[in-house]
Amino acid sequence: MIEWWVDGLLGVMMLWLAWQALSAADLLRAVAMFVTFGLLVAIAWIRLGAPDVAIAEAAIGAGLTGALLLITIRRMDDQRGSGTQEKPRAKAD
């Protein structure tokens, strides 16, 4: 009887985290919500009886993608802070 409460709570939390990740104004907060969402998706896959998919989701969806997004945010901040944005190259005809 308690299993449907767990599944329902997991579903509501996933919807809330997805909304928070999409509507966050701060990019770092959005990435944190995205990584947390990926971990909850991995838990959902475990609840569905697919541990191999859960491991792949946790490793790729939350871990690797989250790390790449954090690196991208850092590089964007570095580029904005230094003021050295690449200028468009002239076409060589």
N, C-alpha and C. Protein backbone atom coordinates (compact mmCIF):
# COMPACT_ATOMS: atom_id res chain seq x y z
N MET A 1 0.81 -1.20 0.00
CA MET A 1 0.00 0.00 0.00
C MET A 1 0.86 1.26 0.00
N ILE A 2 2.00 1.20 0.65
CA ILE A 2 2.85 2.40 0.71
C ILE A 2 3.59 2.64 -0.60
N GLU A 3 3.67 1.65 -1.46
CA GLU A 3 4.44 1.80 -2.69
C GLU A 3 3.87 2.88 -3.60
N TRP A 4 2.58 3.02 -3.70
CA TRP A 4 2.02 4.03 -4.59
C TRP A 4 2.26 5.43 -4.05
N TRP A 5 2.40 5.59 -2.74
CA TRP A 5 2.77 6.89 -2.17
C TRP A 5 4.19 7.26 -2.59
N VAL A 6 5.06 6.29 -2.52
CA VAL A 6 6.46 6.55 -2.91
C VAL A 6 6.53 6.92 -4.39
N ASP A 7 5.84 6.17 -5.21
CA ASP A 7 5.84 6.45 -6.65
C ASP A 7 5.19 7.80 -6.95
N GLY A 8 4.09 8.11 -6.28
CA GLY A 8 3.43 9.39 -6.48
C GLY A 8 4.30 10.56 -6.05
N LEU A 9 4.94 10.41 -4.89
CA LEU A 9 5.84 11.46 -4.40
C LEU A 9 7.02 11.64 -5.34
N LEU A 10 7.55 10.54 -5.84
CA LEU A 10 8.66 10.59 -6.79
C LEU A 10 8.24 11.31 -8.07
N GLY A 11 7.05 11.02 -8.57
CA GLY A 11 6.55 11.67 -9.77
C GLY A 11 6.34 13.16 -9.58
N VAL A 12 5.75 13.55 -8.44
CA VAL A 12 5.53 14.97 -8.16
C VAL A 12 6.86 15.70 -8.01
N MET A 13 7.82 15.08 -7.33
CA MET A 13 9.14 15.70 -7.17
C MET A 13 9.84 15.87 -8.51
N MET A 14 9.70 14.89 -9.39
CA MET A 14 10.33 14.99 -10.71
C MET A 14 9.70 16.13 -11.52
N LEU A 15 8.37 16.25 -11.47
CA LEU A 15 7.72 17.35 -12.18
C LEU A 15 8.15 18.70 -11.62
N TRP A 16 8.21 18.81 -10.30
CA TRP A 16 8.61 20.07 -9.67
C TRP A 16 10.05 20.43 -10.03
N LEU A 17 10.96 19.44 -9.97
CA LEU A 17 12.36 19.71 -10.30
C LEU A 17 12.53 20.08 -11.77
N ALA A 18 11.77 19.43 -12.64
CA ALA A 18 11.85 19.77 -14.07
C ALA A 18 11.40 21.21 -14.28
N TRP A 19 10.33 21.62 -13.62
CA TRP A 19 9.86 23.00 -13.74
C TRP A 19 10.89 23.97 -13.18
N GLN A 20 11.48 23.64 -12.03
CA GLN A 20 12.49 24.51 -11.43
C GLN A 20 13.71 24.65 -12.33
N ALA A 21 14.13 23.56 -12.96
CA ALA A 21 15.30 23.61 -13.84
C ALA A 21 15.02 24.46 -15.08
N LEU A 22 13.80 24.38 -15.59
CA LEU A 22 13.47 25.15 -16.79
C LEU A 22 13.21 26.63 -16.51
N SER A 23 12.73 26.94 -15.32
CA SER A 23 12.34 28.32 -15.04
C SER A 23 13.36 29.10 -14.20
N ALA A 24 14.47 28.48 -13.84
CA ALA A 24 15.46 29.15 -13.01
C ALA A 24 16.17 30.24 -13.80
N ALA A 25 16.30 31.41 -13.18
CA ALA A 25 17.02 32.51 -13.82
C ALA A 25 18.53 32.34 -13.68
N ASP A 26 18.96 31.74 -12.60
CA ASP A 26 20.38 31.51 -12.34
C ASP A 26 20.79 30.18 -12.99
N LEU A 27 21.81 30.22 -13.84
CA LEU A 27 22.23 29.01 -14.55
C LEU A 27 22.77 27.94 -13.61
N LEU A 28 23.47 28.34 -12.57
CA LEU A 28 24.01 27.35 -11.63
C LEU A 28 22.88 26.62 -10.91
N ARG A 29 21.85 27.35 -10.53
CA ARG A 29 20.68 26.72 -9.89
C ARG A 29 19.99 25.77 -10.88
N ALA A 30 19.88 26.18 -12.13
CA ALA A 30 19.24 25.33 -13.13
C ALA A 30 20.01 24.02 -13.32
N VAL A 31 21.33 24.10 -13.33
CA VAL A 31 22.14 22.89 -13.48
C VAL A 31 21.98 21.99 -12.25
N ALA A 32 21.96 22.59 -11.07
CA ALA A 32 21.78 21.80 -9.84
C ALA A 32 20.43 21.08 -9.86
N MET A 33 19.39 21.77 -10.31
CA MET A 33 18.06 21.15 -10.40
C MET A 33 18.06 20.05 -11.46
N PHE A 34 18.77 20.27 -12.56
CA PHE A 34 18.85 19.26 -13.62
C PHE A 34 19.55 17.99 -13.12
N VAL A 35 20.64 18.16 -12.39
CA VAL A 35 21.37 17.00 -11.86
C VAL A 35 20.50 16.25 -10.85
N THR A 36 19.82 16.98 -9.99
CA THR A 36 18.93 16.35 -9.01
C THR A 36 17.79 15.63 -9.72
N PHE A 37 17.26 16.23 -10.77
CA PHE A 37 16.22 15.58 -11.57
C PHE A 37 16.74 14.27 -12.16
N GLY A 38 17.97 14.29 -12.69
CA GLY A 38 18.55 13.07 -13.25
C GLY A 38 18.70 11.97 -12.22
N LEU A 39 19.05 12.34 -11.00
CA LEU A 39 19.17 11.33 -9.94
C LEU A 39 17.80 10.75 -9.57
N LEU A 40 16.77 11.59 -9.57
CA LEU A 40 15.42 11.08 -9.29
C LEU A 40 14.93 10.18 -10.43
N VAL A 41 15.30 10.50 -11.66
CA VAL A 41 14.95 9.63 -12.78
C VAL A 41 15.64 8.27 -12.61
N ALA A 42 16.87 8.28 -12.14
CA ALA A 42 17.57 7.02 -11.88
C ALA A 42 16.84 6.21 -10.81
N ILE A 43 16.36 6.88 -9.77
CA ILE A 43 15.59 6.18 -8.73
C ILE A 43 14.29 5.62 -9.32
N ALA A 44 13.67 6.38 -10.21
CA ALA A 44 12.44 5.90 -10.86
C ALA A 44 12.72 4.64 -11.69
N TRP A 45 13.86 4.61 -12.38
CA TRP A 45 14.21 3.41 -13.15
C TRP A 45 14.44 2.21 -12.24
N ILE A 46 15.01 2.46 -11.08
CA ILE A 46 15.18 1.36 -10.11
C ILE A 46 13.82 0.86 -9.66
N ARG A 47 12.90 1.78 -9.38
CA ARG A 47 11.55 1.40 -8.96
C ARG A 47 10.83 0.61 -10.05
N LEU A 48 11.16 0.88 -11.31
CA LEU A 48 10.55 0.16 -12.43
C LEU A 48 11.24 -1.17 -12.71
N GLY A 49 12.32 -1.47 -12.00
CA GLY A 49 13.01 -2.75 -12.16
C GLY A 49 14.03 -2.78 -13.28
N ALA A 50 14.62 -1.65 -13.58
CA ALA A 50 15.62 -1.58 -14.64
C ALA A 50 16.91 -0.98 -14.08
N PRO A 51 17.67 -1.76 -13.30
CA PRO A 51 18.87 -1.20 -12.67
C PRO A 51 19.95 -0.81 -13.66
N ASP A 52 20.04 -1.49 -14.80
CA ASP A 52 21.05 -1.14 -15.79
C ASP A 52 20.77 0.24 -16.40
N VAL A 53 19.51 0.53 -16.67
CA VAL A 53 19.14 1.83 -17.20
C VAL A 53 19.36 2.90 -16.12
N ALA A 54 19.09 2.55 -14.86
CA ALA A 54 19.28 3.49 -13.76
C ALA A 54 20.75 3.87 -13.61
N ILE A 55 21.63 2.91 -13.76
CA ILE A 55 23.07 3.19 -13.65
C ILE A 55 23.51 4.10 -14.80
N ALA A 56 23.01 3.81 -16.01
CA ALA A 56 23.36 4.64 -17.17
C ALA A 56 22.81 6.06 -16.99
N GLU A 57 21.60 6.18 -16.49
CA GLU A 57 21.01 7.51 -16.26
C GLU A 57 21.80 8.29 -15.23
N ALA A 58 22.19 7.64 -14.15
CA ALA A 58 22.95 8.33 -13.10
C ALA A 58 24.32 8.75 -13.62
N ALA A 59 24.97 7.88 -14.37
CA ALA A 59 26.32 8.18 -14.84
C ALA A 59 26.32 9.22 -15.95
N ILE A 60 25.47 9.03 -16.94
CA ILE A 60 25.48 9.92 -18.10
C ILE A 60 24.57 11.12 -17.88
N GLY A 61 23.32 10.86 -17.52
CA GLY A 61 22.33 11.92 -17.40
C GLY A 61 22.64 12.92 -16.31
N ALA A 62 22.99 12.43 -15.13
CA ALA A 62 23.26 13.34 -14.01
C ALA A 62 24.74 13.67 -13.92
N GLY A 63 25.60 12.67 -13.98
CA GLY A 63 27.02 12.89 -13.75
C GLY A 63 27.74 13.60 -14.87
N LEU A 64 27.81 12.98 -16.02
CA LEU A 64 28.59 13.53 -17.13
C LEU A 64 27.98 14.82 -17.68
N THR A 65 26.68 14.80 -17.92
CA THR A 65 26.04 16.00 -18.46
C THR A 65 26.10 17.15 -17.48
N GLY A 66 25.89 16.86 -16.19
CA GLY A 66 25.99 17.91 -15.17
C GLY A 66 27.38 18.51 -15.12
N ALA A 67 28.39 17.67 -15.19
CA ALA A 67 29.76 18.17 -15.17
C ALA A 67 30.05 19.04 -16.40
N LEU A 68 29.59 18.61 -17.56
CA LEU A 68 29.80 19.40 -18.78
C LEU A 68 29.07 20.74 -18.71
N LEU A 69 27.88 20.75 -18.15
CA LEU A 69 27.15 22.01 -18.01
C LEU A 69 27.85 22.95 -17.04
N LEU A 70 28.38 22.42 -15.95
CA LEU A 70 29.11 23.25 -14.99
C LEU A 70 30.38 23.83 -15.61
N ILE A 71 31.09 23.04 -16.40
CA ILE A 71 32.28 23.53 -17.09
C ILE A 71 31.91 24.63 -18.07
N THR A 72 30.79 24.46 -18.77
CA THR A 72 30.33 25.47 -19.71
C THR A 72 29.99 26.78 -19.01
N ILE A 73 29.32 26.69 -17.87
CA ILE A 73 28.99 27.90 -17.11
C ILE A 73 30.26 28.61 -16.67
N ARG A 74 31.24 27.85 -16.20
CA ARG A 74 32.50 28.47 -15.76
C ARG A 74 33.21 29.16 -16.92
N ARG A 75 33.23 28.51 -18.08
CA ARG A 75 33.88 29.13 -19.25
C ARG A 75 33.13 30.36 -19.72
N MET A 76 31.80 30.34 -19.63
CA MET A 76 31.03 31.52 -20.00
C MET A 76 31.34 32.67 -19.04
N ASP A 77 31.43 32.38 -17.75
CA ASP A 77 31.76 33.42 -16.77
C ASP A 77 33.16 33.96 -17.00
N ASP A 78 34.12 33.08 -17.31
CA ASP A 78 35.48 33.52 -17.59
C ASP A 78 35.52 34.42 -18.82
N GLN A 79 34.79 34.05 -19.83
CA GLN A 79 34.78 34.83 -21.07
C GLN A 79 34.11 36.18 -20.84
N ARG A 80 33.04 36.21 -20.07
CA ARG A 80 32.37 37.46 -19.77
C ARG A 80 33.22 38.36 -18.90
N GLY A 81 33.92 37.77 -17.94
CA GLY A 81 34.73 38.55 -17.02
C GLY A 81 35.96 39.15 -17.66
N SER A 82 36.56 38.44 -18.60
CA SER A 82 37.78 38.95 -19.22
C SER A 82 37.48 39.94 -20.34
N GLY A 83 36.27 39.92 -20.85
CA GLY A 83 35.90 40.85 -21.91
C GLY A 83 36.53 40.52 -23.24
N THR A 84 37.03 39.30 -23.40
CA THR A 84 37.67 38.92 -24.67
C THR A 84 36.75 37.98 -25.42
N GLN A 85 35.72 38.52 -25.98
CA GLN A 85 34.84 37.71 -26.80
C GLN A 85 35.40 37.66 -28.20
N GLU A 86 35.22 36.52 -28.82
CA GLU A 86 35.74 36.37 -30.16
C GLU A 86 34.99 37.27 -31.14
N LYS A 87 35.75 37.93 -31.99
CA LYS A 87 35.16 38.79 -32.99
C LYS A 87 34.89 37.95 -34.23
N PRO A 88 33.84 38.27 -34.97
CA PRO A 88 33.58 37.51 -36.19
C PRO A 88 34.70 37.71 -37.19
N ARG A 89 35.08 36.63 -37.83
CA ARG A 89 36.17 36.68 -38.81
C ARG A 89 35.65 37.21 -40.13
N ALA A 90 36.51 37.93 -40.83
CA ALA A 90 36.16 38.44 -42.15
C ALA A 90 36.21 37.28 -43.14
N LYS A 91 35.31 37.31 -44.08
CA LYS A 91 35.31 36.25 -45.09
C LYS A 91 36.44 36.47 -46.07
N ALA A 92 37.15 35.42 -46.38
CA ALA A 92 38.23 35.49 -47.37
C ALA A 92 37.68 35.03 -48.70
N ASP A 93 37.48 35.97 -49.59
CA ASP A 93 36.92 35.62 -50.92
C ASP A 93 38.00 35.38 -51.91
